[in-house]
């Protein structure tokens, strides 16, 4: 078996585009950046789009600026790839000892550490080129997130709450999206960010239940191990807090009915995750984790509808 024809890792779709159509020499690097499993990039992207759209609602814009949507799309996929590459470099010895991660490019020998480091530099440079298209305040704010990115892989070695660090890191885009439009911060994006952190703690706890036996084996920590069978109760609290903070963010930014209807639908979807979760079933956990992409689309659609309806109402009067 060649390095480019390795089996698909367990949480990637068997028919993902990387394994089907990407040029063979590129595949190990695309796998390293998780382009075969894009759900993480979407979960990084949506808070960027939400922050942008919420800011534009507050300013009475008729629709989200397509240029910013495109920049955040490219930036999220590049920086999620960079974060995963850095994480895999740091965790290479752990990954080699766990069946679910042993097929990743570095422990399986598809990519050397030196090659991964060069690829990481390429991704970070690409992300920086995108970041400098924005205003100075946002450039500084975005660059500040690299401190959290650097810390995250080590959090699971020292605390049962690494998902808090992940949330703080992964949802920084809620602040960046707002500041890209306004050039500053205010209570609305801070409430949005705080809600996103709680959301991340919740859905990544679900994800971590897939890995709890392996984490115990290699000595890593997670909220799945800390919360155990009490996880559904904690998820209820995390998700309820997220919904309340998102509602506060919308109210502070002047969002109207469409956003709050979307938020109501999102709360139902979150409740479904908790009610149907089976902690001992990895497939069940993965499906509910991936379902969080629907939350992203719901809130973005609600904000976009708000902008359109406000514009129509203003035109009518």
C-alpha atoms as a PDB file:
ATOM      1  CA  UNK A   1       0.000   0.000   0.000  1.00  0.00           C
ATOM      2  CA  UNK A   2       1.441   3.376  -1.004  1.00  0.00           C
ATOM      3  CA  UNK A   3       1.490   6.442   1.238  1.00  0.00           C
ATOM      4  CA  UNK A   4      -1.151   8.089  -0.944  1.00  0.00           C
ATOM      5  CA  UNK A   5      -3.561   5.135  -0.896  1.00  0.00           C
ATOM      6  CA  UNK A   6      -3.866   4.727   2.851  1.00  0.00           C
ATOM      7  CA  UNK A   7      -7.336   3.767   4.148  1.00  0.00           C
ATOM      8  CA  UNK A   8      -9.733   6.528   5.034  1.00  0.00           C
ATOM      9  CA  UNK A   9      -9.526   7.575   8.690  1.00  0.00           C
ATOM     10  CA  UNK A  10     -12.579   6.501  10.725  1.00  0.00           C
ATOM     11  CA  UNK A  11     -14.418   9.839  10.947  1.00  0.00           C
ATOM     12  CA  UNK A  12     -14.020  10.782   7.262  1.00  0.00           C
ATOM     13  CA  UNK A  13     -16.684   9.872   4.725  1.00  0.00           C
ATOM     14  CA  UNK A  14     -15.627   6.852   2.631  1.00  0.00           C
ATOM     15  CA  UNK A  15     -16.442   8.900  -0.485  1.00  0.00           C
ATOM     16  CA  UNK A  16     -14.819  12.168   0.554  1.00  0.00           C
ATOM     17  CA  UNK A  17     -13.448  14.239  -2.313  1.00  0.00           C
ATOM     18  CA  UNK A  18      -9.823  13.983  -1.201  1.00  0.00           C
ATOM     19  CA  UNK A  19      -9.727  10.207  -1.549  1.00  0.00           C
ATOM     20  CA  UNK A  20     -11.784  10.247  -4.759  1.00  0.00           C
ATOM     21  CA  UNK A  21     -10.492  13.069  -6.946  1.00  0.00           C
ATOM     22  CA  UNK A  22      -7.539  14.919  -5.396  1.00  0.00           C
ATOM     23  CA  UNK A  23      -4.157  14.321  -7.103  1.00  0.00           C
ATOM     24  CA  UNK A  24      -2.425  11.452  -5.313  1.00  0.00           C
ATOM     25  CA  UNK A  25       0.667  13.432  -4.176  1.00  0.00           C
ATOM     26  CA  UNK A  26      -1.583  16.048  -2.550  1.00  0.00           C
ATOM     27  CA  UNK A  27      -3.733  13.646  -0.559  1.00  0.00           C
ATOM     28  CA  UNK A  28      -1.537  13.241   2.540  1.00  0.00           C
ATOM     29  CA  UNK A  29      -1.352  17.026   2.946  1.00  0.00           C
ATOM     30  CA  UNK A  30      -5.064  17.512   2.350  1.00  0.00           C
ATOM     31  CA  UNK A  31      -5.736  14.823   4.959  1.00  0.00           C
ATOM     32  CA  UNK A  32      -3.324  16.553   7.332  1.00  0.00           C
ATOM     33  CA  UNK A  33      -5.364  19.755   6.930  1.00  0.00           C
ATOM     34  CA  UNK A  34      -8.596  17.729   7.395  1.00  0.00           C
ATOM     35  CA  UNK A  35      -9.985  18.638   3.985  1.00  0.00           C
ATOM     36  CA  UNK A  36     -11.346  15.093   3.898  1.00  0.00           C
ATOM     37  CA  UNK A  37     -13.334  15.976   7.055  1.00  0.00           C
ATOM     38  CA  UNK A  38     -14.491  19.580   6.568  1.00  0.00           C
ATOM     39  CA  UNK A  39     -16.980  19.755   9.452  1.00  0.00           C
ATOM     40  CA  UNK A  40     -14.377  21.395  11.708  1.00  0.00           C
ATOM     41  CA  UNK A  41     -13.739  24.127   9.148  1.00  0.00           C
ATOM     42  CA  UNK A  42     -17.468  24.835   8.926  1.00  0.00           C
ATOM     43  CA  UNK A  43     -17.714  25.071  12.713  1.00  0.00           C
ATOM     44  CA  UNK A  44     -14.809  27.533  12.648  1.00  0.00           C
ATOM     45  CA  UNK A  45     -16.348  29.497   9.777  1.00  0.00           C
ATOM     46  CA  UNK A  46     -19.885  30.050  11.013  1.00  0.00           C
ATOM     47  CA  UNK A  47     -19.000  32.283  13.996  1.00  0.00           C
ATOM     48  CA  UNK A  48     -16.989  34.458  11.560  1.00  0.00           C
ATOM     49  CA  UNK A  49     -20.021  34.775   9.318  1.00  0.00           C
ATOM     50  CA  UNK A  50     -22.323  35.302  12.305  1.00  0.00           C
ATOM     51  CA  UNK A  51     -20.123  38.089  13.672  1.00  0.00           C
ATOM     52  CA  UNK A  52     -19.997  39.747  10.261  1.00  0.00           C
ATOM     53  CA  UNK A  53     -23.747  39.439   9.692  1.00  0.00           C
ATOM     54  CA  UNK A  54     -24.614  40.607  13.209  1.00  0.00           C
ATOM     55  CA  UNK A  55     -22.481  43.707  12.709  1.00  0.00           C
ATOM     56  CA  UNK A  56     -24.184  44.413   9.404  1.00  0.00           C
ATOM     57  CA  UNK A  57     -27.603  43.992  11.019  1.00  0.00           C
ATOM     58  CA  UNK A  58     -26.580  46.561  13.620  1.00  0.00           C
ATOM     59  CA  UNK A  59     -25.591  48.980  10.843  1.00  0.00           C
ATOM     60  CA  UNK A  60     -28.730  48.400   8.785  1.00  0.00           C
ATOM     61  CA  UNK A  61     -26.953  46.861   5.801  1.00  0.00           C
ATOM     62  CA  UNK A  62     -29.224  45.110   3.273  1.00  0.00           C
ATOM     63  CA  UNK A  63     -27.142  41.911   2.960  1.00  0.00           C
ATOM     64  CA  UNK A  64     -23.798  40.452   4.108  1.00  0.00           C
ATOM     65  CA  UNK A  65     -20.881  41.717   2.030  1.00  0.00           C
ATOM     66  CA  UNK A  66     -19.907  38.882  -0.357  1.00  0.00           C
ATOM     67  CA  UNK A  67     -16.209  39.833  -0.255  1.00  0.00           C
ATOM     68  CA  UNK A  68     -16.044  39.346   3.499  1.00  0.00           C
ATOM     69  CA  UNK A  69     -18.002  36.079   3.253  1.00  0.00           C
ATOM     70  CA  UNK A  70     -15.430  34.820   0.750  1.00  0.00           C
ATOM     71  CA  UNK A  71     -12.442  35.970   2.817  1.00  0.00           C
ATOM     72  CA  UNK A  72     -13.761  34.270   5.933  1.00  0.00           C
ATOM     73  CA  UNK A  73     -14.541  31.094   3.994  1.00  0.00           C
ATOM     74  CA  UNK A  74     -10.988  30.833   2.670  1.00  0.00           C
ATOM     75  CA  UNK A  75      -9.449  31.917   5.969  1.00  0.00           C
ATOM     76  CA  UNK A  76     -11.434  29.398   8.026  1.00  0.00           C
ATOM     77  CA  UNK A  77     -10.413  26.459   5.871  1.00  0.00           C
ATOM     78  CA  UNK A  78      -6.767  27.528   5.777  1.00  0.00           C
ATOM     79  CA  UNK A  79      -6.496  28.219   9.505  1.00  0.00           C
ATOM     80  CA  UNK A  80      -8.396  25.113  10.513  1.00  0.00           C
ATOM     81  CA  UNK A  81      -5.917  23.216   8.351  1.00  0.00           C
ATOM     82  CA  UNK A  82      -3.041  25.016  10.042  1.00  0.00           C
ATOM     83  CA  UNK A  83      -4.407  24.261  13.501  1.00  0.00           C
ATOM     84  CA  UNK A  84      -4.870  20.578  12.718  1.00  0.00           C
ATOM     85  CA  UNK A  85      -1.392  20.323  11.204  1.00  0.00           C
ATOM     86  CA  UNK A  86       0.160  21.945  14.275  1.00  0.00           C
ATOM     87  CA  UNK A  87      -1.918  19.711  16.546  1.00  0.00           C
ATOM     88  CA  UNK A  88      -0.785  16.585  14.692  1.00  0.00           C
ATOM     89  CA  UNK A  89       2.863  17.618  14.922  1.00  0.00           C
ATOM     90  CA  UNK A  90       2.533  18.096  18.678  1.00  0.00           C
ATOM     91  CA  UNK A  91       0.475  14.904  19.156  1.00  0.00           C
ATOM     92  CA  UNK A  92       2.357  12.594  16.776  1.00  0.00           C
ATOM     93  CA  UNK A  93       3.497  10.206  19.519  1.00  0.00           C
ATOM     94  CA  UNK A  94       0.007   9.993  21.058  1.00  0.00           C
ATOM     95  CA  UNK A  95      -1.660   9.488  17.676  1.00  0.00           C
ATOM     96  CA  UNK A  96       0.626   6.581  16.825  1.00  0.00           C
ATOM     97  CA  UNK A  97      -0.601   4.712  19.916  1.00  0.00           C
ATOM     98  CA  UNK A  98      -4.331   5.002  19.175  1.00  0.00           C
ATOM     99  CA  UNK A  99      -6.124   2.954  16.509  1.00  0.00           C
ATOM    100  CA  UNK A 100      -8.477   5.767  15.481  1.00  0.00           C
ATOM    101  CA  UNK A 101      -5.641   8.231  14.826  1.00  0.00           C
ATOM    102  CA  UNK A 102      -2.839   5.900  13.713  1.00  0.00           C
ATOM    103  CA  UNK A 103      -3.850   6.366  10.052  1.00  0.00           C
ATOM    104  CA  UNK A 104      -3.254  10.124  10.212  1.00  0.00           C
ATOM    105  CA  UNK A 105      -0.517  11.300   7.830  1.00  0.00           C
ATOM    106  CA  UNK A 106       2.305  11.832  10.336  1.00  0.00           C
ATOM    107  CA  UNK A 107       2.053   8.666  12.496  1.00  0.00           C
ATOM    108  CA  UNK A 108       1.352   6.526   9.401  1.00  0.00           C
ATOM    109  CA  UNK A 109       4.445   7.859   7.626  1.00  0.00           C
ATOM    110  CA  UNK A 110       2.645   9.597   4.775  1.00  0.00           C
ATOM    111  CA  UNK A 111       4.160  12.956   5.780  1.00  0.00           C
ATOM    112  CA  UNK A 112       7.350  13.590   7.742  1.00  0.00           C
ATOM    113  CA  UNK A 113       7.459  16.099  10.579  1.00  0.00           C
ATOM    114  CA  UNK A 114       9.692  18.394   8.497  1.00  0.00           C
ATOM    115  CA  UNK A 115       7.242  18.238   5.583  1.00  0.00           C
ATOM    116  CA  UNK A 116       4.353  18.948   7.950  1.00  0.00           C
ATOM    117  CA  UNK A 117       6.185  21.982   9.333  1.00  0.00           C
ATOM    118  CA  UNK A 118       6.706  23.372   5.830  1.00  0.00           C
ATOM    119  CA  UNK A 119       3.055  22.765   5.008  1.00  0.00           C
ATOM    120  CA  UNK A 120       2.058  24.510   8.255  1.00  0.00           C
ATOM    121  CA  UNK A 121       4.121  27.554   7.258  1.00  0.00           C
ATOM    122  CA  UNK A 122       2.381  27.610   3.858  1.00  0.00           C
ATOM    123  CA  UNK A 123      -1.075  27.541   5.485  1.00  0.00           C
ATOM    124  CA  UNK A 124      -0.216  30.246   8.035  1.00  0.00           C
ATOM    125  CA  UNK A 125       1.162  32.522   5.307  1.00  0.00           C
ATOM    126  CA  UNK A 126      -2.034  31.997   3.321  1.00  0.00           C
ATOM    127  CA  UNK A 127      -4.128  32.857   6.358  1.00  0.00           C
ATOM    128  CA  UNK A 128      -2.047  35.986   6.995  1.00  0.00           C
ATOM    129  CA  UNK A 129      -2.512  37.154   3.393  1.00  0.00           C
ATOM    130  CA  UNK A 130      -6.271  36.915   3.933  1.00  0.00           C
ATOM    131  CA  UNK A 131      -6.128  38.637   7.327  1.00  0.00           C
ATOM    132  CA  UNK A 132      -4.290  41.690   5.986  1.00  0.00           C
ATOM    133  CA  UNK A 133      -7.188  42.380   3.639  1.00  0.00           C
ATOM    134  CA  UNK A 134      -9.065  43.595   6.737  1.00  0.00           C
ATOM    135  CA  UNK A 135      -8.715  46.707   8.900  1.00  0.00           C
ATOM    136  CA  UNK A 136      -5.791  47.169  11.303  1.00  0.00           C
ATOM    137  CA  UNK A 137      -7.810  46.503  14.448  1.00  0.00           C
ATOM    138  CA  UNK A 138      -8.961  43.182  12.986  1.00  0.00           C
ATOM    139  CA  UNK A 139      -5.456  42.237  11.891  1.00  0.00           C
ATOM    140  CA  UNK A 140      -4.185  42.667  15.454  1.00  0.00           C
ATOM    141  CA  UNK A 141      -7.242  40.914  16.895  1.00  0.00           C
ATOM    142  CA  UNK A 142      -6.901  37.991  14.516  1.00  0.00           C
ATOM    143  CA  UNK A 143      -3.186  37.604  15.149  1.00  0.00           C
ATOM    144  CA  UNK A 144      -3.839  37.503  18.903  1.00  0.00           C
ATOM    145  CA  UNK A 145      -5.701  34.228  18.474  1.00  0.00           C
ATOM    146  CA  UNK A 146      -2.412  32.487  17.646  1.00  0.00           C
ATOM    147  CA  UNK A 147      -1.575  32.465  21.361  1.00  0.00           C
ATOM    148  CA  UNK A 148      -4.629  30.286  22.014  1.00  0.00           C
ATOM    149  CA  UNK A 149      -3.868  28.119  18.974  1.00  0.00           C
ATOM    150  CA  UNK A 150      -0.387  27.438  20.348  1.00  0.00           C
ATOM    151  CA  UNK A 151      -1.723  26.511  23.798  1.00  0.00           C
ATOM    152  CA  UNK A 152      -4.621  24.239  22.829  1.00  0.00           C
ATOM    153  CA  UNK A 153      -2.806  20.949  22.017  1.00  0.00           C
ATOM    154  CA  UNK A 154      -1.222  20.972  25.467  1.00  0.00           C
ATOM    155  CA  UNK A 155      -4.464  21.640  27.381  1.00  0.00           C
ATOM    156  CA  UNK A 156      -5.629  18.027  27.216  1.00  0.00           C
ATOM    157  CA  UNK A 157      -2.438  16.985  28.978  1.00  0.00           C
ATOM    158  CA  UNK A 158      -3.111  19.087  32.062  1.00  0.00           C
ATOM    159  CA  UNK A 159      -6.879  19.619  32.452  1.00  0.00           C
ATOM    160  CA  UNK A 160     -10.141  17.733  32.047  1.00  0.00           C
ATOM    161  CA  UNK A 161     -11.556  20.891  30.465  1.00  0.00           C
ATOM    162  CA  UNK A 162      -9.544  21.309  27.236  1.00  0.00           C
ATOM    163  CA  UNK A 163     -12.839  21.985  25.461  1.00  0.00           C
ATOM    164  CA  UNK A 164     -12.885  25.418  27.136  1.00  0.00           C
ATOM    165  CA  UNK A 165      -9.556  26.249  25.517  1.00  0.00           C
ATOM    166  CA  UNK A 166     -10.852  24.864  22.219  1.00  0.00           C
ATOM    167  CA  UNK A 167     -13.947  27.050  22.464  1.00  0.00           C
ATOM    168  CA  UNK A 168     -11.948  30.174  23.227  1.00  0.00           C
ATOM    169  CA  UNK A 169      -9.678  29.396  20.275  1.00  0.00           C
ATOM    170  CA  UNK A 170     -12.116  28.038  17.725  1.00  0.00           C
ATOM    171  CA  UNK A 171     -14.751  30.724  18.096  1.00  0.00           C
ATOM    172  CA  UNK A 172     -12.443  33.763  18.000  1.00  0.00           C
ATOM    173  CA  UNK A 173     -13.907  34.413  14.569  1.00  0.00           C
ATOM    174  CA  UNK A 174     -17.102  35.747  16.159  1.00  0.00           C
ATOM    175  CA  UNK A 175     -15.049  38.744  17.325  1.00  0.00           C
ATOM    176  CA  UNK A 176     -13.083  39.001  14.085  1.00  0.00           C
ATOM    177  CA  UNK A 177     -16.218  38.901  11.938  1.00  0.00           C
ATOM    178  CA  UNK A 178     -17.745  41.812  13.828  1.00  0.00           C
ATOM    179  CA  UNK A 179     -14.574  43.904  13.912  1.00  0.00           C
ATOM    180  CA  UNK A 180     -13.969  43.385  10.175  1.00  0.00           C
ATOM    181  CA  UNK A 181     -17.186  45.330   9.561  1.00  0.00           C
ATOM    182  CA  UNK A 182     -17.029  47.876  12.387  1.00  0.00           C
ATOM    183  CA  UNK A 183     -13.311  48.238  13.200  1.00  0.00           C
ATOM    184  CA  UNK A 184     -14.036  47.787  16.920  1.00  0.00           C
ATOM    185  CA  UNK A 185     -15.742  45.537  19.476  1.00  0.00           C
ATOM    186  CA  UNK A 186     -18.841  46.023  21.615  1.00  0.00           C
ATOM    187  CA  UNK A 187     -21.004  43.961  24.006  1.00  0.00           C
ATOM    188  CA  UNK A 188     -22.916  42.258  21.156  1.00  0.00           C
ATOM    189  CA  UNK A 189     -19.964  40.352  19.650  1.00  0.00           C
ATOM    190  CA  UNK A 190     -18.646  39.528  23.120  1.00  0.00           C
ATOM    191  CA  UNK A 191     -22.005  37.920  23.983  1.00  0.00           C
ATOM    192  CA  UNK A 192     -21.948  36.105  20.636  1.00  0.00           C
ATOM    193  CA  UNK A 193     -18.426  34.836  21.327  1.00  0.00           C
ATOM    194  CA  UNK A 194     -19.303  33.678  24.838  1.00  0.00           C
ATOM    195  CA  UNK A 195     -22.300  31.775  23.486  1.00  0.00           C
ATOM    196  CA  UNK A 196     -20.109  30.177  20.840  1.00  0.00           C
ATOM    197  CA  UNK A 197     -17.627  29.049  23.491  1.00  0.00           C
ATOM    198  CA  UNK A 198     -20.404  27.259  25.404  1.00  0.00           C
ATOM    199  CA  UNK A 199     -21.677  25.735  22.163  1.00  0.00           C
ATOM    200  CA  UNK A 200     -18.193  24.400  21.411  1.00  0.00           C
ATOM    201  CA  UNK A 201     -17.769  22.909  24.874  1.00  0.00           C
ATOM    202  CA  UNK A 202     -21.062  21.108  24.314  1.00  0.00           C
ATOM    203  CA  UNK A 203     -20.546  19.677  20.856  1.00  0.00           C
ATOM    204  CA  UNK A 204     -16.884  18.817  21.427  1.00  0.00           C
ATOM    205  CA  UNK A 205     -17.814  16.938  24.590  1.00  0.00           C
ATOM    206  CA  UNK A 206     -20.094  14.833  22.391  1.00  0.00           C
ATOM    207  CA  UNK A 207     -17.207  14.306  19.975  1.00  0.00           C
ATOM    208  CA  UNK A 208     -14.829  13.415  22.821  1.00  0.00           C
ATOM    209  CA  UNK A 209     -17.058  10.532  23.910  1.00  0.00           C
ATOM    210  CA  UNK A 210     -15.802   8.693  20.808  1.00  0.00           C
ATOM    211  CA  UNK A 211     -12.245   8.879  22.152  1.00  0.00           C
ATOM    212  CA  UNK A 212     -12.658   8.370  25.886  1.00  0.00           C
ATOM    213  CA  UNK A 213     -11.243   4.813  26.019  1.00  0.00           C
ATOM    214  CA  UNK A 214      -8.255   5.803  23.902  1.00  0.00           C
ATOM    215  CA  UNK A 215      -7.718   8.970  25.956  1.00  0.00           C
ATOM    216  CA  UNK A 216      -7.617   6.866  29.117  1.00  0.00           C
ATOM    217  CA  UNK A 217      -5.134   4.520  27.469  1.00  0.00           C
ATOM    218  CA  UNK A 218      -2.642   7.257  26.559  1.00  0.00           C
ATOM    219  CA  UNK A 219      -3.247   9.516  29.566  1.00  0.00           C
ATOM    220  CA  UNK A 220      -5.107  12.431  27.936  1.00  0.00           C
ATOM    221  CA  UNK A 221      -7.990  14.307  29.536  1.00  0.00           C
ATOM    222  CA  UNK A 222     -11.354  15.581  28.271  1.00  0.00           C
ATOM    223  CA  UNK A 223     -14.766  16.748  29.409  1.00  0.00           C
ATOM    224  CA  UNK A 224     -16.141  13.384  28.258  1.00  0.00           C
ATOM    225  CA  UNK A 225     -14.023  11.690  30.936  1.00  0.00           C
ATOM    226  CA  UNK A 226     -14.742  14.388  33.514  1.00  0.00           C
ATOM    227  CA  UNK A 227     -18.528  14.466  33.053  1.00  0.00           C
ATOM    228  CA  UNK A 228     -19.163  10.811  32.221  1.00  0.00           C
ATOM    229  CA  UNK A 229     -22.792   9.747  32.514  1.00  0.00           C
ATOM    230  CA  UNK A 230     -23.746  13.244  33.686  1.00  0.00           C
ATOM    231  CA  UNK A 231     -22.895  14.598  30.210  1.00  0.00           C
ATOM    232  CA  UNK A 232     -26.535  15.146  29.069  1.00  0.00           C
ATOM    233  CA  UNK A 233     -27.260  17.398  32.056  1.00  0.00           C
ATOM    234  CA  UNK A 234     -24.140  19.431  31.400  1.00  0.00           C
ATOM    235  CA  UNK A 235     -24.916  19.632  27.691  1.00  0.00           C
ATOM    236  CA  UNK A 236     -28.330  21.033  28.537  1.00  0.00           C
ATOM    237  CA  UNK A 237     -26.667  23.774  30.581  1.00  0.00           C
ATOM    238  CA  UNK A 238     -24.010  24.534  27.945  1.00  0.00           C
ATOM    239  CA  UNK A 239     -26.516  24.703  25.106  1.00  0.00           C
ATOM    240  CA  UNK A 240     -29.077  26.694  27.106  1.00  0.00           C
ATOM    241  CA  UNK A 241     -26.365  29.200  27.990  1.00  0.00           C
ATOM    242  CA  UNK A 242     -25.325  29.418  24.345  1.00  0.00           C
ATOM    243  CA  UNK A 243     -28.877  30.127  23.193  1.00  0.00           C
ATOM    244  CA  UNK A 244     -29.396  32.791  25.870  1.00  0.00           C
ATOM    245  CA  UNK A 245     -26.126  34.530  25.006  1.00  0.00           C
ATOM    246  CA  UNK A 246     -26.865  34.391  21.270  1.00  0.00           C
ATOM    247  CA  UNK A 247     -30.264  35.903  21.987  1.00  0.00           C
ATOM    248  CA  UNK A 248     -28.609  38.650  24.023  1.00  0.00           C
ATOM    249  CA  UNK A 249     -26.158  39.321  21.184  1.00  0.00           C
ATOM    250  CA  UNK A 250     -29.026  39.613  18.730  1.00  0.00           C
ATOM    251  CA  UNK A 251     -30.960  41.952  20.998  1.00  0.00           C
ATOM    252  CA  UNK A 252     -27.916  44.180  21.573  1.00  0.00           C
ATOM    253  CA  UNK A 253     -27.298  44.386  17.813  1.00  0.00           C
ATOM    254  CA  UNK A 254     -30.909  45.205  16.993  1.00  0.00           C
ATOM    255  CA  UNK A 255     -31.841  41.878  15.393  1.00  0.00           C
ATOM    256  CA  UNK A 256     -35.538  41.290  14.832  1.00  0.00           C
ATOM    257  CA  UNK A 257     -38.043  38.492  14.413  1.00  0.00           C
ATOM    258  CA  UNK A 258     -36.290  36.453  11.698  1.00  0.00           C
ATOM    259  CA  UNK A 259     -33.169  35.983  13.787  1.00  0.00           C
ATOM    260  CA  UNK A 260     -35.107  34.945  16.880  1.00  0.00           C
ATOM    261  CA  UNK A 261     -37.198  32.474  14.876  1.00  0.00           C
ATOM    262  CA  UNK A 262     -33.958  30.960  13.567  1.00  0.00           C
ATOM    263  CA  UNK A 263     -32.589  30.868  17.104  1.00  0.00           C
ATOM    264  CA  UNK A 264     -35.725  29.019  18.249  1.00  0.00           C
ATOM    265  CA  UNK A 265     -35.199  26.395  15.540  1.00  0.00           C
ATOM    266  CA  UNK A 266     -31.544  26.109  16.531  1.00  0.00           C
ATOM    267  CA  UNK A 267     -32.540  25.514  20.157  1.00  0.00           C
ATOM    268  CA  UNK A 268     -34.813  22.664  19.047  1.00  0.00           C
ATOM    269  CA  UNK A 269     -31.960  21.086  17.118  1.00  0.00           C
ATOM    270  CA  UNK A 270     -29.661  21.381  20.140  1.00  0.00           C
ATOM    271  CA  UNK A 271     -32.328  19.806  22.346  1.00  0.00           C
ATOM    272  CA  UNK A 272     -32.583  16.923  19.842  1.00  0.00           C
ATOM    273  CA  UNK A 273     -28.846  16.322  20.179  1.00  0.00           C
ATOM    274  CA  UNK A 274     -29.122  15.967  23.947  1.00  0.00           C
ATOM    275  CA  UNK A 275     -32.337  13.919  23.926  1.00  0.00           C
ATOM    276  CA  UNK A 276     -31.103  11.356  21.406  1.00  0.00           C
ATOM    277  CA  UNK A 277     -27.451  11.130  22.441  1.00  0.00           C
ATOM    278  CA  UNK A 278     -26.062   7.657  23.190  1.00  0.00           C
ATOM    279  CA  UNK A 279     -22.774   8.078  24.975  1.00  0.00           C
ATOM    280  CA  UNK A 280     -21.584   4.539  24.341  1.00  0.00           C
ATOM    281  CA  UNK A 281     -22.268   4.675  20.580  1.00  0.00           C
ATOM    282  CA  UNK A 282     -19.467   6.431  18.633  1.00  0.00           C
ATOM    283  CA  UNK A 283     -21.547   6.602  15.438  1.00  0.00           C
ATOM    284  CA  UNK A 284     -24.399   8.265  17.321  1.00  0.00           C
ATOM    285  CA  UNK A 285     -21.963  10.782  18.827  1.00  0.00           C
ATOM    286  CA  UNK A 286     -20.374  11.578  15.466  1.00  0.00           C
ATOM    287  CA  UNK A 287     -23.736  12.162  13.782  1.00  0.00           C
ATOM    288  CA  UNK A 288     -24.828  14.577  16.504  1.00  0.00           C
ATOM    289  CA  UNK A 289     -21.494  16.361  16.425  1.00  0.00           C
ATOM    290  CA  UNK A 290     -21.692  16.842  12.662  1.00  0.00           C
ATOM    291  CA  UNK A 291     -25.310  18.023  12.912  1.00  0.00           C
ATOM    292  CA  UNK A 292     -24.037  21.283  14.395  1.00  0.00           C
ATOM    293  CA  UNK A 293     -23.436  22.546  10.860  1.00  0.00           C
ATOM    294  CA  UNK A 294     -27.236  22.999  10.706  1.00  0.00           C
ATOM    295  CA  UNK A 295     -26.991  25.405  13.668  1.00  0.00           C
ATOM    296  CA  UNK A 296     -24.556  27.465  11.638  1.00  0.00           C
ATOM    297  CA  UNK A 297     -26.823  27.714   8.617  1.00  0.00           C
ATOM    298  CA  UNK A 298     -29.915  28.455  10.705  1.00  0.00           C
ATOM    299  CA  UNK A 299     -28.456  31.472  12.499  1.00  0.00           C
ATOM    300  CA  UNK A 300     -26.787  32.810   9.364  1.00  0.00           C
ATOM    301  CA  UNK A 301     -30.065  32.517   7.458  1.00  0.00           C
ATOM    302  CA  UNK A 302     -31.893  34.261  10.298  1.00  0.00           C
ATOM    303  CA  UNK A 303     -29.478  37.189  10.258  1.00  0.00           C
ATOM    304  CA  UNK A 304     -29.588  37.448   6.454  1.00  0.00           C
ATOM    305  CA  UNK A 305     -33.400  37.380   6.530  1.00  0.00           C
ATOM    306  CA  UNK A 306     -33.369  40.108   9.167  1.00  0.00           C
ATOM    307  CA  UNK A 307     -31.298  42.336   6.902  1.00  0.00           C
ATOM    308  CA  UNK A 308     -33.563  41.717   3.941  1.00  0.00           C
ATOM    309  CA  UNK A 309     -36.767  42.326   5.895  1.00  0.00           C
ATOM    310  CA  UNK A 310     -35.447  45.513   7.505  1.00  0.00           C
ATOM    311  CA  UNK A 311     -34.451  46.796   4.064  1.00  0.00           C
ATOM    312  CA  UNK A 312     -37.897  45.990   2.660  1.00  0.00           C
ATOM    313  CA  UNK A 313     -39.605  47.686   5.587  1.00  0.00           C
ATOM    314  CA  UNK A 314     -37.466  50.797   5.179  1.00  0.00           C
ATOM    315  CA  UNK A 315     -38.218  50.897   1.448  1.00  0.00           C
ATOM    316  CA  UNK A 316     -41.948  50.571   2.138  1.00  0.00           C
ATOM    317  CA  UNK A 317     -41.948  53.532   4.467  1.00  0.00           C
END
